[in-house]
Amino acid sequence: MTLEVAARDLTVSPRSLQEYLHLAGTSWRAELASARDGLAIELLRSSSLPVSAIAYRVGFSDARSFRRAFRRQNGCSPDEYRRGVPLLD
């Protein structure tokens, strides 16, 4: 997902979307990181997919970048998170 695609889907210009996000106290980068993180947590909790597959599904080109971003966002690695949270059925 890119800012341009999201703006088009919302039928606003990319600049307008950036301005709306700014007025809401956030940014495209922050919202994208939050959405990726939420989906990653859902997949870690509800599946036994390898971390590399989850990285790809949430939009990262490699597992290393995903692991760094996940740790920055959550304070632990995806593997540590998964070990600490029971799988959902």
C-alpha atoms as a PDB file:
ATOM      1  CA  MET A   1       0.000   0.000   0.000  1.00  0.00           C
ATOM      2  CA  THR A   2       1.235   3.437  -0.853  1.00  0.00           C
ATOM      3  CA  LEU A   3       0.016   6.874   0.108  1.00  0.00           C
ATOM      4  CA  GLU A   4      -1.041   7.456  -3.485  1.00  0.00           C
ATOM      5  CA  VAL A   5      -3.117   4.262  -3.643  1.00  0.00           C
ATOM      6  CA  ALA A   6      -4.771   4.980  -0.293  1.00  0.00           C
ATOM      7  CA  ALA A   7      -5.567   8.549  -1.362  1.00  0.00           C
ATOM      8  CA  ARG A   8      -7.072   7.328  -4.623  1.00  0.00           C
ATOM      9  CA  ASP A   9      -9.184   4.741  -2.776  1.00  0.00           C
ATOM     10  CA  LEU A  10     -10.391   7.490  -0.436  1.00  0.00           C
ATOM     11  CA  THR A  11     -10.989   9.815  -3.412  1.00  0.00           C
ATOM     12  CA  VAL A  12      -8.705  12.543  -2.093  1.00  0.00           C
ATOM     13  CA  SER A  13      -5.358  13.821  -3.281  1.00  0.00           C
ATOM     14  CA  PRO A  14      -2.209  12.480  -1.639  1.00  0.00           C
ATOM     15  CA  ARG A  15      -1.501  15.959  -0.269  1.00  0.00           C
ATOM     16  CA  SER A  16      -4.980  16.175   1.245  1.00  0.00           C
ATOM     17  CA  LEU A  17      -4.584  12.780   2.876  1.00  0.00           C
ATOM     18  CA  GLN A  18      -1.252  13.889   4.355  1.00  0.00           C
ATOM     19  CA  GLU A  19      -2.904  17.048   5.674  1.00  0.00           C
ATOM     20  CA  TYR A  20      -5.813  15.079   7.221  1.00  0.00           C
ATOM     21  CA  LEU A  21      -3.355  12.747   8.914  1.00  0.00           C
ATOM     22  CA  HIS A  22      -1.293  15.687  10.157  1.00  0.00           C
ATOM     23  CA  LEU A  23      -4.399  17.316  11.624  1.00  0.00           C
ATOM     24  CA  ALA A  24      -5.178  14.018  13.368  1.00  0.00           C
ATOM     25  CA  GLY A  25      -1.682  14.031  14.885  1.00  0.00           C
ATOM     26  CA  THR A  26      -0.274  11.183  12.831  1.00  0.00           C
ATOM     27  CA  SER A  27       1.448  10.470   9.535  1.00  0.00           C
ATOM     28  CA  TRP A  28       1.227   8.013   6.661  1.00  0.00           C
ATOM     29  CA  ARG A  29       4.371   6.276   7.888  1.00  0.00           C
ATOM     30  CA  ALA A  30       2.976   5.898  11.427  1.00  0.00           C
ATOM     31  CA  GLU A  31      -0.371   4.584  10.184  1.00  0.00           C
ATOM     32  CA  LEU A  32       1.292   2.120   7.822  1.00  0.00           C
ATOM     33  CA  ALA A  33       3.556   0.862  10.624  1.00  0.00           C
ATOM     34  CA  SER A  34       0.562   0.473  12.924  1.00  0.00           C
ATOM     35  CA  ALA A  35      -1.452  -1.439  10.318  1.00  0.00           C
ATOM     36  CA  ARG A  36       1.473  -3.735   9.516  1.00  0.00           C
ATOM     37  CA  ASP A  37       2.099  -4.344  13.208  1.00  0.00           C
ATOM     38  CA  GLY A  38      -1.551  -5.126  13.896  1.00  0.00           C
ATOM     39  CA  LEU A  39      -1.712  -7.635  11.068  1.00  0.00           C
ATOM     40  CA  ALA A  40       1.599  -9.192  12.118  1.00  0.00           C
ATOM     41  CA  ILE A  41       0.346  -9.640  15.688  1.00  0.00           C
ATOM     42  CA  GLU A  42      -2.863 -11.202  14.398  1.00  0.00           C
ATOM     43  CA  LEU A  43      -0.884 -13.634  12.226  1.00  0.00           C
ATOM     44  CA  LEU A  44       1.559 -14.473  15.029  1.00  0.00           C
ATOM     45  CA  ARG A  45      -1.355 -15.230  17.347  1.00  0.00           C
ATOM     46  CA  SER A  46      -3.601 -17.088  14.931  1.00  0.00           C
ATOM     47  CA  SER A  47      -1.230 -19.066  12.726  1.00  0.00           C
ATOM     48  CA  SER A  48       1.911 -21.125  12.766  1.00  0.00           C
ATOM     49  CA  LEU A  49       3.285 -19.397   9.659  1.00  0.00           C
ATOM     50  CA  PRO A  50       7.039 -18.852   9.744  1.00  0.00           C
ATOM     51  CA  VAL A  51       8.148 -15.323  10.566  1.00  0.00           C
ATOM     52  CA  SER A  52       9.532 -14.942   7.035  1.00  0.00           C
ATOM     53  CA  ALA A  53       6.072 -15.661   5.563  1.00  0.00           C
ATOM     54  CA  ILE A  54       4.447 -13.184   7.953  1.00  0.00           C
ATOM     55  CA  ALA A  55       7.051 -10.578   6.992  1.00  0.00           C
ATOM     56  CA  TYR A  56       6.107 -10.968   3.345  1.00  0.00           C
ATOM     57  CA  ARG A  57       2.362 -10.908   4.071  1.00  0.00           C
ATOM     58  CA  VAL A  58       2.577  -7.645   5.973  1.00  0.00           C
ATOM     59  CA  GLY A  59       4.612  -5.949   3.260  1.00  0.00           C
ATOM     60  CA  PHE A  60       8.270  -6.406   4.119  1.00  0.00           C
ATOM     61  CA  SER A  61      10.737  -7.590   1.504  1.00  0.00           C
ATOM     62  CA  ASP A  62      12.753  -9.583   4.031  1.00  0.00           C
ATOM     63  CA  ALA A  63      12.399 -11.064   7.502  1.00  0.00           C
ATOM     64  CA  ARG A  64      15.311  -9.061   8.927  1.00  0.00           C
ATOM     65  CA  SER A  65      13.603  -5.723   8.222  1.00  0.00           C
ATOM     66  CA  PHE A  66      10.370  -7.085   9.653  1.00  0.00           C
ATOM     67  CA  ARG A  67      12.092  -8.275  12.837  1.00  0.00           C
ATOM     68  CA  ARG A  68      13.717  -4.849  13.365  1.00  0.00           C
ATOM     69  CA  ALA A  69      10.422  -3.014  12.808  1.00  0.00           C
ATOM     70  CA  PHE A  70       8.519  -5.427  15.056  1.00  0.00           C
ATOM     71  CA  ARG A  71      11.061  -5.032  17.868  1.00  0.00           C
ATOM     72  CA  ARG A  72      10.960  -1.236  17.518  1.00  0.00           C
ATOM     73  CA  GLN A  73       7.157  -1.280  17.732  1.00  0.00           C
ATOM     74  CA  ASN A  74       6.701  -3.952  20.435  1.00  0.00           C
ATOM     75  CA  GLY A  75       9.927  -4.209  22.409  1.00  0.00           C
ATOM     76  CA  CYS A  76      10.473  -7.870  21.524  1.00  0.00           C
ATOM     77  CA  SER A  77      11.110 -10.011  18.461  1.00  0.00           C
ATOM     78  CA  PRO A  78       8.262 -11.751  16.615  1.00  0.00           C
ATOM     79  CA  ASP A  79       9.545 -15.086  17.935  1.00  0.00           C
ATOM     80  CA  GLU A  80       9.621 -13.797  21.524  1.00  0.00           C
ATOM     81  CA  TYR A  81       6.109 -12.400  21.085  1.00  0.00           C
ATOM     82  CA  ARG A  82       4.838 -15.699  19.723  1.00  0.00           C
ATOM     83  CA  ARG A  83       6.365 -17.678  22.596  1.00  0.00           C
ATOM     84  CA  GLY A  84       4.682 -15.377  25.135  1.00  0.00           C
ATOM     85  CA  VAL A  85       1.186 -15.479  23.622  1.00  0.00           C
ATOM     86  CA  PRO A  86      -0.927 -18.626  23.189  1.00  0.00           C
ATOM     87  CA  LEU A  87      -2.237 -19.365  19.690  1.00  0.00           C
ATOM     88  CA  LEU A  88      -5.866 -18.470  19.046  1.00  0.00           C
ATOM     89  CA  ASP A  89      -8.076 -21.171  17.599  1.00  0.00           C
END
